[in-house]
């Protein structure tokens, strides 16, 4: 399934891109993060999250496969598993060229197990909420001038 969206930014895109380029800063705003380990461009984490009415703790892995600061585009490989099932996503993140104030994402997502029984709309809405919560946290920290 394809999940796409754009979120309007309140923070400076350069500073936000700095944050999105640093795995240590990324984990500071991940909703529901319980624990994590960083190795280079890879984050392994335990994350408590609800997708629709299903709630669980996921063993997740995020790999920053590419990050082009000049064009403000990045490609992330995101995968995870729990007793609820598994998910895999190849995700592109980019600042919309015609509007430097919007951060957009496009993900090809595959789910299996109980997660696979949920409708695409339920999964998409849950993902969008997670993205919005992450960006809200990041923007608040950047606007306050705090390092994460």
C-alpha atoms as a PDB file:
ATOM      1  CA  UNK A   1       0.000   0.000   0.000  1.00  0.00           C
ATOM      2  CA  UNK A   2       1.127   3.555  -0.673  1.00  0.00           C
ATOM      3  CA  UNK A   3       1.016   6.119   2.136  1.00  0.00           C
ATOM      4  CA  UNK A   4       1.760   9.734   1.275  1.00  0.00           C
ATOM      5  CA  UNK A   5       1.439  13.094   2.930  1.00  0.00           C
ATOM      6  CA  UNK A   6       2.880  16.552   3.465  1.00  0.00           C
ATOM      7  CA  UNK A   7       3.089  18.516   6.678  1.00  0.00           C
ATOM      8  CA  UNK A   8       3.493  22.279   6.845  1.00  0.00           C
ATOM      9  CA  UNK A   9       6.597  23.302   8.763  1.00  0.00           C
ATOM     10  CA  UNK A  10       6.918  26.055  11.309  1.00  0.00           C
ATOM     11  CA  UNK A  11      10.659  25.591  11.732  1.00  0.00           C
ATOM     12  CA  UNK A  12      13.479  26.534   9.383  1.00  0.00           C
ATOM     13  CA  UNK A  13      13.912  23.768   6.794  1.00  0.00           C
ATOM     14  CA  UNK A  14      17.724  23.813   7.078  1.00  0.00           C
ATOM     15  CA  UNK A  15      17.586  23.186  10.824  1.00  0.00           C
ATOM     16  CA  UNK A  16      14.884  20.563  10.416  1.00  0.00           C
ATOM     17  CA  UNK A  17      16.977  18.805   7.760  1.00  0.00           C
ATOM     18  CA  UNK A  18      19.928  18.805  10.201  1.00  0.00           C
ATOM     19  CA  UNK A  19      17.671  17.053  12.705  1.00  0.00           C
ATOM     20  CA  UNK A  20      16.431  14.529  10.133  1.00  0.00           C
ATOM     21  CA  UNK A  21      20.030  13.735   9.182  1.00  0.00           C
ATOM     22  CA  UNK A  22      21.081  12.772  12.705  1.00  0.00           C
ATOM     23  CA  UNK A  23      19.855   9.408  14.062  1.00  0.00           C
ATOM     24  CA  UNK A  24      20.468  10.543  17.669  1.00  0.00           C
ATOM     25  CA  UNK A  25      18.147  13.493  17.175  1.00  0.00           C
ATOM     26  CA  UNK A  26      15.540  11.434  15.323  1.00  0.00           C
ATOM     27  CA  UNK A  27      14.996   9.078  18.256  1.00  0.00           C
ATOM     28  CA  UNK A  28      14.383  12.005  20.623  1.00  0.00           C
ATOM     29  CA  UNK A  29      11.026  12.662  18.938  1.00  0.00           C
ATOM     30  CA  UNK A  30       9.839   9.175  17.964  1.00  0.00           C
ATOM     31  CA  UNK A  31       6.441   8.670  19.644  1.00  0.00           C
ATOM     32  CA  UNK A  32       6.360   5.661  21.970  1.00  0.00           C
ATOM     33  CA  UNK A  33      10.081   4.857  21.872  1.00  0.00           C
ATOM     34  CA  UNK A  34      11.053   2.591  24.773  1.00  0.00           C
ATOM     35  CA  UNK A  35      14.698   1.870  23.982  1.00  0.00           C
ATOM     36  CA  UNK A  36      17.070   2.201  21.056  1.00  0.00           C
ATOM     37  CA  UNK A  37      20.542   1.536  19.745  1.00  0.00           C
ATOM     38  CA  UNK A  38      22.303   3.465  16.989  1.00  0.00           C
ATOM     39  CA  UNK A  39      24.985   2.051  14.729  1.00  0.00           C
ATOM     40  CA  UNK A  40      26.044   4.401  11.930  1.00  0.00           C
ATOM     41  CA  UNK A  41      22.957   5.214   9.868  1.00  0.00           C
ATOM     42  CA  UNK A  42      20.859   2.479  11.466  1.00  0.00           C
ATOM     43  CA  UNK A  43      18.497   2.732  14.419  1.00  0.00           C
ATOM     44  CA  UNK A  44      17.203  -0.387  16.181  1.00  0.00           C
ATOM     45  CA  UNK A  45      14.420   0.350  18.639  1.00  0.00           C
ATOM     46  CA  UNK A  46      11.570  -0.970  20.741  1.00  0.00           C
ATOM     47  CA  UNK A  47       8.518   1.204  20.151  1.00  0.00           C
ATOM     48  CA  UNK A  48       5.086   1.015  21.816  1.00  0.00           C
ATOM     49  CA  UNK A  49       2.534   1.974  19.222  1.00  0.00           C
ATOM     50  CA  UNK A  50      -1.098   1.516  18.313  1.00  0.00           C
ATOM     51  CA  UNK A  51      -2.269   0.929  14.764  1.00  0.00           C
ATOM     52  CA  UNK A  52      -6.014   1.261  14.765  1.00  0.00           C
ATOM     53  CA  UNK A  53      -7.336  -0.827  17.654  1.00  0.00           C
ATOM     54  CA  UNK A  54      -4.205  -3.017  17.751  1.00  0.00           C
ATOM     55  CA  UNK A  55      -1.555  -2.000  20.272  1.00  0.00           C
ATOM     56  CA  UNK A  56       1.825  -3.550  20.900  1.00  0.00           C
ATOM     57  CA  UNK A  57       5.560  -3.169  21.256  1.00  0.00           C
ATOM     58  CA  UNK A  58       7.430  -3.393  17.986  1.00  0.00           C
ATOM     59  CA  UNK A  59      11.055  -4.285  17.373  1.00  0.00           C
ATOM     60  CA  UNK A  60      11.797  -1.731  14.682  1.00  0.00           C
ATOM     61  CA  UNK A  61      14.757  -0.923  12.473  1.00  0.00           C
ATOM     62  CA  UNK A  62      15.297   2.256  10.474  1.00  0.00           C
ATOM     63  CA  UNK A  63      18.141   2.547   7.983  1.00  0.00           C
ATOM     64  CA  UNK A  64      18.952   5.884   6.374  1.00  0.00           C
ATOM     65  CA  UNK A  65      19.815   4.595   2.899  1.00  0.00           C
ATOM     66  CA  UNK A  66      20.492   7.991   1.354  1.00  0.00           C
ATOM     67  CA  UNK A  67      20.383  11.612   2.384  1.00  0.00           C
ATOM     68  CA  UNK A  68      20.986  14.413  -0.113  1.00  0.00           C
ATOM     69  CA  UNK A  69      21.161  17.720   1.716  1.00  0.00           C
ATOM     70  CA  UNK A  70      21.338  19.790  -1.496  1.00  0.00           C
ATOM     71  CA  UNK A  71      18.000  18.486  -2.789  1.00  0.00           C
ATOM     72  CA  UNK A  72      16.620  17.817   0.715  1.00  0.00           C
ATOM     73  CA  UNK A  73      15.643  14.236  -0.098  1.00  0.00           C
ATOM     74  CA  UNK A  74      16.239  11.090   1.912  1.00  0.00           C
ATOM     75  CA  UNK A  75      15.360   7.423   1.531  1.00  0.00           C
ATOM     76  CA  UNK A  76      14.640   5.338   4.623  1.00  0.00           C
ATOM     77  CA  UNK A  77      14.109   1.602   4.942  1.00  0.00           C
ATOM     78  CA  UNK A  78      11.796   0.926   7.896  1.00  0.00           C
ATOM     79  CA  UNK A  79      10.859  -2.530   9.161  1.00  0.00           C
ATOM     80  CA  UNK A  80       9.483  -4.046  12.317  1.00  0.00           C
ATOM     81  CA  UNK A  81       7.738  -6.914  13.990  1.00  0.00           C
ATOM     82  CA  UNK A  82       5.675  -7.746  17.044  1.00  0.00           C
ATOM     83  CA  UNK A  83       3.119 -10.342  18.053  1.00  0.00           C
ATOM     84  CA  UNK A  84       0.700  -8.305  15.906  1.00  0.00           C
ATOM     85  CA  UNK A  85       2.595  -8.924  12.694  1.00  0.00           C
ATOM     86  CA  UNK A  86       5.319  -7.402  10.564  1.00  0.00           C
ATOM     87  CA  UNK A  87       5.781  -4.338   8.405  1.00  0.00           C
ATOM     88  CA  UNK A  88       8.290  -3.175   5.810  1.00  0.00           C
ATOM     89  CA  UNK A  89       8.408   0.260   4.227  1.00  0.00           C
ATOM     90  CA  UNK A  90      10.590   2.000   1.715  1.00  0.00           C
ATOM     91  CA  UNK A  91      10.107   5.689   2.432  1.00  0.00           C
ATOM     92  CA  UNK A  92      11.134   8.855   0.623  1.00  0.00           C
ATOM     93  CA  UNK A  93      11.217  12.079   2.619  1.00  0.00           C
ATOM     94  CA  UNK A  94      11.615  15.424   0.891  1.00  0.00           C
ATOM     95  CA  UNK A  95      11.004  19.141   1.174  1.00  0.00           C
ATOM     96  CA  UNK A  96       8.482  20.081  -1.491  1.00  0.00           C
ATOM     97  CA  UNK A  97      10.367  22.115  -4.117  1.00  0.00           C
ATOM     98  CA  UNK A  98       7.627  24.641  -4.871  1.00  0.00           C
ATOM     99  CA  UNK A  99       6.922  25.218  -1.172  1.00  0.00           C
ATOM    100  CA  UNK A 100       9.991  25.198   1.086  1.00  0.00           C
ATOM    101  CA  UNK A 101       7.669  25.051   4.085  1.00  0.00           C
ATOM    102  CA  UNK A 102       6.313  21.520   3.524  1.00  0.00           C
ATOM    103  CA  UNK A 103       7.984  18.246   4.421  1.00  0.00           C
ATOM    104  CA  UNK A 104       6.530  15.388   2.386  1.00  0.00           C
ATOM    105  CA  UNK A 105       6.795  11.618   2.558  1.00  0.00           C
ATOM    106  CA  UNK A 106       5.886   8.733   0.316  1.00  0.00           C
ATOM    107  CA  UNK A 107       6.049   5.153   1.578  1.00  0.00           C
ATOM    108  CA  UNK A 108       5.446   1.787  -0.019  1.00  0.00           C
ATOM    109  CA  UNK A 109       4.306  -0.306   2.943  1.00  0.00           C
ATOM    110  CA  UNK A 110       3.805  -4.054   3.273  1.00  0.00           C
ATOM    111  CA  UNK A 111       2.108  -5.519   6.346  1.00  0.00           C
ATOM    112  CA  UNK A 112       1.441  -9.097   7.437  1.00  0.00           C
ATOM    113  CA  UNK A 113      -0.164 -10.892  10.366  1.00  0.00           C
ATOM    114  CA  UNK A 114      -2.954  -9.209  12.319  1.00  0.00           C
ATOM    115  CA  UNK A 115      -1.740  -5.848  10.989  1.00  0.00           C
ATOM    116  CA  UNK A 116      -2.614  -7.117   7.531  1.00  0.00           C
ATOM    117  CA  UNK A 117      -6.270  -7.486   8.530  1.00  0.00           C
ATOM    118  CA  UNK A 118      -6.634  -3.740   9.044  1.00  0.00           C
ATOM    119  CA  UNK A 119      -7.869  -1.583   6.199  1.00  0.00           C
ATOM    120  CA  UNK A 120      -5.427   0.621   4.339  1.00  0.00           C
ATOM    121  CA  UNK A 121      -7.253   3.703   5.616  1.00  0.00           C
ATOM    122  CA  UNK A 122      -6.761   2.687   9.268  1.00  0.00           C
ATOM    123  CA  UNK A 123      -3.054   2.038   8.718  1.00  0.00           C
ATOM    124  CA  UNK A 124      -2.582   5.276   6.736  1.00  0.00           C
ATOM    125  CA  UNK A 125      -4.339   7.359   9.414  1.00  0.00           C
ATOM    126  CA  UNK A 126      -2.202   5.792  12.154  1.00  0.00           C
ATOM    127  CA  UNK A 127       1.003   6.451  10.207  1.00  0.00           C
ATOM    128  CA  UNK A 128       0.001  10.056   9.525  1.00  0.00           C
ATOM    129  CA  UNK A 129      -0.657  10.600  13.246  1.00  0.00           C
ATOM    130  CA  UNK A 130       2.797   9.213  14.128  1.00  0.00           C
ATOM    131  CA  UNK A 131       4.435  11.502  11.526  1.00  0.00           C
ATOM    132  CA  UNK A 132       2.498  14.529  12.809  1.00  0.00           C
ATOM    133  CA  UNK A 133       3.477  13.788  16.431  1.00  0.00           C
ATOM    134  CA  UNK A 134       7.134  13.386  15.424  1.00  0.00           C
ATOM    135  CA  UNK A 135       7.197  16.650  13.473  1.00  0.00           C
ATOM    136  CA  UNK A 136       5.351  18.539  16.206  1.00  0.00           C
ATOM    137  CA  UNK A 137       8.016  17.464  18.712  1.00  0.00           C
ATOM    138  CA  UNK A 138      10.871  18.352  16.339  1.00  0.00           C
ATOM    139  CA  UNK A 139       9.423  21.751  15.471  1.00  0.00           C
ATOM    140  CA  UNK A 140       8.815  22.638  19.134  1.00  0.00           C
ATOM    141  CA  UNK A 141      12.403  21.823  20.012  1.00  0.00           C
ATOM    142  CA  UNK A 142      13.764  23.759  17.032  1.00  0.00           C
ATOM    143  CA  UNK A 143      11.557  26.782  17.676  1.00  0.00           C
ATOM    144  CA  UNK A 144      12.671  26.832  21.320  1.00  0.00           C
ATOM    145  CA  UNK A 145      16.273  26.721  20.127  1.00  0.00           C
ATOM    146  CA  UNK A 146      16.921  23.480  22.017  1.00  0.00           C
ATOM    147  CA  UNK A 147      19.136  20.754  20.728  1.00  0.00           C
ATOM    148  CA  UNK A 148      17.485  17.387  20.976  1.00  0.00           C
END
